[in-house]
N, C-alpha and C. Protein backbone atom coordinates (compact mmCIF):
# COMPACT_ATOMS: atom_id res chain seq x y z
N MET A 1 0.89 -1.14 0.01
CA MET A 1 -0.07 0.11 0.15
C MET A 1 0.87 1.31 -0.02
N SER A 2 0.67 2.18 -0.73
CA SER A 2 1.31 3.45 -0.94
C SER A 2 1.33 4.41 0.27
N ALA A 3 2.22 5.08 0.55
CA ALA A 3 2.14 6.14 1.55
C ALA A 3 1.01 7.00 1.52
N ASP A 4 0.69 7.34 0.20
CA ASP A 4 -0.61 8.33 0.15
C ASP A 4 -2.08 7.69 0.37
N THR A 5 -2.03 6.19 0.11
CA THR A 5 -3.03 5.52 0.46
C THR A 5 -3.19 5.35 2.08
N GLU A 6 -2.11 4.96 2.64
CA GLU A 6 -2.01 4.97 4.09
C GLU A 6 -2.42 6.14 4.88
N ARG A 7 -1.95 7.17 4.22
CA ARG A 7 -2.38 8.56 4.84
C ARG A 7 -3.72 8.95 4.62
N LEU A 8 -4.29 8.52 3.57
CA LEU A 8 -5.88 8.66 3.30
C LEU A 8 -6.51 7.82 4.21
N ARG A 9 -6.30 6.52 4.57
CA ARG A 9 -6.93 5.75 5.28
C ARG A 9 -6.81 6.13 6.75
N TRP A 10 -5.75 6.94 7.21
CA TRP A 10 -5.61 7.50 8.48
C TRP A 10 -6.76 8.30 8.69
N ARG A 11 -6.81 9.33 7.48
CA ARG A 11 -7.74 10.24 7.68
C ARG A 11 -9.26 10.11 7.60
N CYS A 12 -9.55 8.70 6.89
CA CYS A 12 -10.68 8.38 6.93
C CYS A 12 -11.23 7.65 8.27
N ARG A 13 -10.49 7.40 9.08
CA ARG A 13 -10.95 7.01 10.63
C ARG A 13 -11.30 8.11 11.23
N ARG A 14 -12.58 8.11 11.76
CA ARG A 14 -13.49 9.29 11.99
C ARG A 14 -13.74 8.65 13.62
N GLY A 15 -14.56 9.73 14.09
CA GLY A 15 -15.10 9.56 15.45
C GLY A 15 -16.36 8.78 15.60
N LEU A 16 -16.67 8.61 14.20
CA LEU A 16 -18.10 7.79 14.21
C LEU A 16 -18.16 6.40 13.47
N LEU A 17 -18.62 5.62 14.03
CA LEU A 17 -18.42 4.16 13.24
C LEU A 17 -19.12 4.04 11.73
N GLU A 18 -20.17 4.71 11.63
CA GLU A 18 -20.87 5.12 10.47
C GLU A 18 -19.78 5.67 9.21
N LEU A 19 -19.15 6.70 10.01
CA LEU A 19 -18.19 7.12 8.73
C LEU A 19 -17.06 6.51 8.74
N ASP A 20 -16.45 5.84 9.48
CA ASP A 20 -15.26 5.17 9.34
C ASP A 20 -15.85 3.73 8.29
N LEU A 21 -17.05 3.21 8.35
CA LEU A 21 -17.28 2.04 7.44
C LEU A 21 -17.45 3.03 5.91
N LEU A 22 -18.24 3.81 5.72
CA LEU A 22 -18.39 4.43 4.66
C LEU A 22 -16.98 4.97 3.92
N LEU A 23 -16.21 5.48 4.69
CA LEU A 23 -15.15 6.23 4.03
C LEU A 23 -13.95 5.15 3.74
N GLU A 24 -13.71 4.25 4.96
CA GLU A 24 -12.92 3.02 4.38
C GLU A 24 -13.24 2.10 3.33
N GLY A 25 -14.55 1.97 3.47
CA GLY A 25 -15.02 1.00 2.53
C GLY A 25 -14.75 1.63 0.78
N PHE A 26 -15.23 3.09 1.03
CA PHE A 26 -14.95 3.85 -0.27
C PHE A 26 -13.49 3.65 -0.68
N LEU A 27 -12.63 4.13 0.34
CA LEU A 27 -11.23 4.03 -0.09
C LEU A 27 -10.69 2.65 -0.61
N ALA A 28 -11.31 1.54 0.02
CA ALA A 28 -10.85 0.21 -0.47
C ALA A 28 -11.46 -0.03 -1.68
N ARG A 29 -12.73 0.41 -2.08
CA ARG A 29 -13.32 -0.10 -3.20
C ARG A 29 -13.44 0.85 -4.47
N GLY A 30 -13.42 2.11 -4.23
CA GLY A 30 -13.92 3.06 -5.28
C GLY A 30 -12.77 4.27 -5.43
N HIS A 31 -11.84 4.61 -4.37
CA HIS A 31 -11.11 5.68 -4.58
C HIS A 31 -10.24 5.57 -5.75
N GLY A 32 -9.88 4.36 -6.39
CA GLY A 32 -8.72 4.08 -7.27
C GLY A 32 -9.35 4.53 -8.54
N GLN A 33 -10.63 4.73 -8.75
CA GLN A 33 -11.55 5.05 -9.71
C GLN A 33 -11.59 6.64 -9.88
N LEU A 34 -11.06 7.35 -9.02
CA LEU A 34 -11.41 8.99 -9.03
C LEU A 34 -10.33 9.44 -10.01
N ASP A 35 -10.77 10.47 -10.59
CA ASP A 35 -9.91 11.44 -11.55
C ASP A 35 -9.35 12.37 -10.36
N PRO A 36 -8.30 12.89 -10.91
CA PRO A 36 -7.56 13.88 -10.01
C PRO A 36 -8.43 15.17 -9.33
N ASP A 37 -9.29 15.48 -10.21
CA ASP A 37 -10.36 16.51 -9.66
C ASP A 37 -11.09 16.10 -8.42
N GLU A 38 -11.53 14.94 -8.67
CA GLU A 38 -12.44 14.02 -7.73
C GLU A 38 -11.67 13.52 -6.39
N ALA A 39 -10.46 12.95 -6.92
CA ALA A 39 -9.50 12.90 -5.57
C ALA A 39 -9.29 14.14 -4.79
N ALA A 40 -9.28 15.28 -5.26
CA ALA A 40 -8.93 16.39 -4.38
C ALA A 40 -10.28 16.61 -3.65
N ALA A 41 -11.28 16.43 -4.20
CA ALA A 41 -12.69 16.85 -3.68
C ALA A 41 -12.79 15.87 -2.63
N PHE A 42 -12.44 14.46 -2.58
CA PHE A 42 -12.37 13.71 -1.42
C PHE A 42 -11.82 14.03 -0.52
N GLU A 43 -10.51 14.39 -0.75
CA GLU A 43 -9.64 14.97 0.36
C GLU A 43 -10.34 16.25 0.97
N ALA A 44 -10.89 17.13 0.36
CA ALA A 44 -11.34 18.34 0.91
C ALA A 44 -12.60 17.62 1.66
N LEU A 45 -13.08 16.71 1.35
CA LEU A 45 -14.33 16.38 2.23
C LEU A 45 -13.79 15.88 3.43
N LEU A 46 -12.56 15.24 3.53
CA LEU A 46 -11.97 14.79 4.55
C LEU A 46 -11.77 15.71 5.92
N THR A 47 -11.72 17.00 5.29
CA THR A 47 -11.52 18.20 6.23
C THR A 47 -12.58 18.56 7.15
N LEU A 48 -13.91 18.13 6.61
CA LEU A 48 -14.99 18.64 7.17
C LEU A 48 -15.43 17.96 8.55
N PRO A 49 -16.22 18.67 9.29
CA PRO A 49 -16.41 18.21 10.74
C PRO A 49 -17.34 16.78 10.36
N ASP A 50 -17.39 15.90 11.43
CA ASP A 50 -18.14 14.70 11.25
C ASP A 50 -19.31 14.80 11.14
N PRO A 51 -20.09 15.86 12.05
CA PRO A 51 -21.52 15.94 11.62
C PRO A 51 -21.76 16.28 10.20
N GLN A 52 -21.09 17.21 9.80
CA GLN A 52 -21.73 17.62 8.28
C GLN A 52 -21.29 16.56 7.21
N LEU A 53 -19.91 16.01 7.53
CA LEU A 53 -19.83 14.95 6.36
C LEU A 53 -20.71 13.88 6.80
N LEU A 54 -21.40 13.26 7.72
CA LEU A 54 -22.35 12.43 7.86
C LEU A 54 -23.58 12.88 7.20
N ARG A 55 -24.05 14.17 7.60
CA ARG A 55 -25.31 14.71 6.88
C ARG A 55 -25.11 14.55 5.35
N TYR A 56 -24.19 14.81 4.91
CA TYR A 56 -23.78 14.66 3.17
C TYR A 56 -24.12 13.08 2.89
N LEU A 57 -23.51 12.33 3.52
CA LEU A 57 -23.48 10.87 3.27
C LEU A 57 -24.85 10.24 3.48
N LEU A 58 -25.51 10.79 4.36
CA LEU A 58 -27.11 10.38 4.66
C LEU A 58 -27.79 10.91 3.75
N GLY A 59 -27.54 11.65 2.90
CA GLY A 59 -28.51 12.81 2.20
C GLY A 59 -29.12 13.83 2.63
N GLN A 60 -28.85 13.98 4.00
CA GLN A 60 -29.69 15.11 4.53
C GLN A 60 -29.27 16.48 4.14
N ASP A 61 -28.19 16.50 3.57
CA ASP A 61 -27.86 18.00 2.83
C ASP A 61 -26.88 17.59 1.62
N THR A 62 -26.62 18.52 0.92
CA THR A 62 -25.79 18.40 -0.21
C THR A 62 -24.57 19.46 -0.12
N PRO A 63 -23.51 18.97 -0.58
CA PRO A 63 -22.50 20.11 -0.64
C PRO A 63 -22.82 21.14 -1.64
N LYS A 64 -22.26 22.46 -1.45
CA LYS A 64 -22.40 23.45 -2.58
C LYS A 64 -21.45 23.35 -3.70
N ASP A 65 -20.44 22.51 -3.37
CA ASP A 65 -19.18 22.32 -4.25
C ASP A 65 -19.70 20.88 -5.23
N GLN A 66 -19.70 21.23 -6.45
CA GLN A 66 -20.25 20.10 -7.29
C GLN A 66 -19.33 18.86 -7.49
N GLY A 67 -17.97 19.23 -7.35
CA GLY A 67 -17.27 18.24 -7.18
C GLY A 67 -17.41 17.09 -6.20
N GLN A 68 -17.49 18.04 -4.78
CA GLN A 68 -17.66 17.05 -3.70
C GLN A 68 -18.99 16.40 -3.74
N ALA A 69 -20.07 17.07 -4.27
CA ALA A 69 -21.21 16.47 -4.37
C ALA A 69 -21.23 15.26 -5.28
N ARG A 70 -20.54 15.20 -6.22
CA ARG A 70 -20.16 13.96 -7.32
C ARG A 70 -19.51 12.86 -6.35
N VAL A 71 -18.66 13.23 -5.50
CA VAL A 71 -17.78 12.25 -4.76
C VAL A 71 -18.63 11.46 -3.54
N ILE A 72 -19.54 12.52 -3.14
CA ILE A 72 -20.62 11.89 -2.19
C ILE A 72 -21.35 10.95 -2.73
N ALA A 73 -21.81 11.19 -3.98
CA ALA A 73 -22.82 10.33 -4.80
C ALA A 73 -21.81 8.96 -4.93
N ARG A 74 -20.76 9.09 -5.36
CA ARG A 74 -20.05 7.88 -5.53
C ARG A 74 -19.64 7.18 -4.42
N ILE A 75 -19.49 7.83 -3.10
CA ILE A 75 -19.21 7.14 -2.01
C ILE A 75 -20.46 6.49 -1.54
N ARG A 76 -21.77 7.01 -1.54
CA ARG A 76 -23.14 6.36 -1.17
C ARG A 76 -23.38 5.17 -2.18
N HIS A 77 -23.03 5.38 -3.52
CA HIS A 77 -23.52 4.32 -4.28
C HIS A 77 -22.36 3.25 -3.96
N THR A 78 -21.11 3.33 -3.75
CA THR A 78 -20.02 2.05 -3.44
C THR A 78 -20.65 1.60 -2.01
N ALA A 79 -21.41 2.17 -1.37
CA ALA A 79 -21.69 1.70 0.11
C ALA A 79 -22.88 0.70 -0.03
N HIS A 80 -23.70 0.90 -1.24
CA HIS A 80 -24.74 0.18 -1.64
C HIS A 80 -24.49 -0.80 -2.82
N ALA A 81 -23.36 -0.75 -3.47
CA ALA A 81 -23.17 -1.82 -4.36
C ALA A 81 -22.57 -3.15 -3.47
N PRO A 82 -22.83 -4.50 -4.44
CA PRO A 82 -22.48 -5.53 -3.66
C PRO A 82 -20.94 -5.53 -3.77
N SER A 83 -20.61 -6.11 -2.91
CA SER A 83 -19.08 -6.38 -2.58
C SER A 83 -18.54 -7.36 -3.71
């Protein structure tokens, strides 16, 4: 595993189990398919406070940034896709 992937994996570990599962699952199964702009949007999402990020991932709120909104949709899709 690359140092960048390890760094992202560490940043995906949050204070809420729900976020840990969604983010680490996406990192393992979907992050490698992101283009550079989407990868940057994913990293920007990881700077958000846990409650805001959880609202986005649960569909209770939508990021104003369209790149972040696309990444949220991909994370949600990956979470519901069969393994």
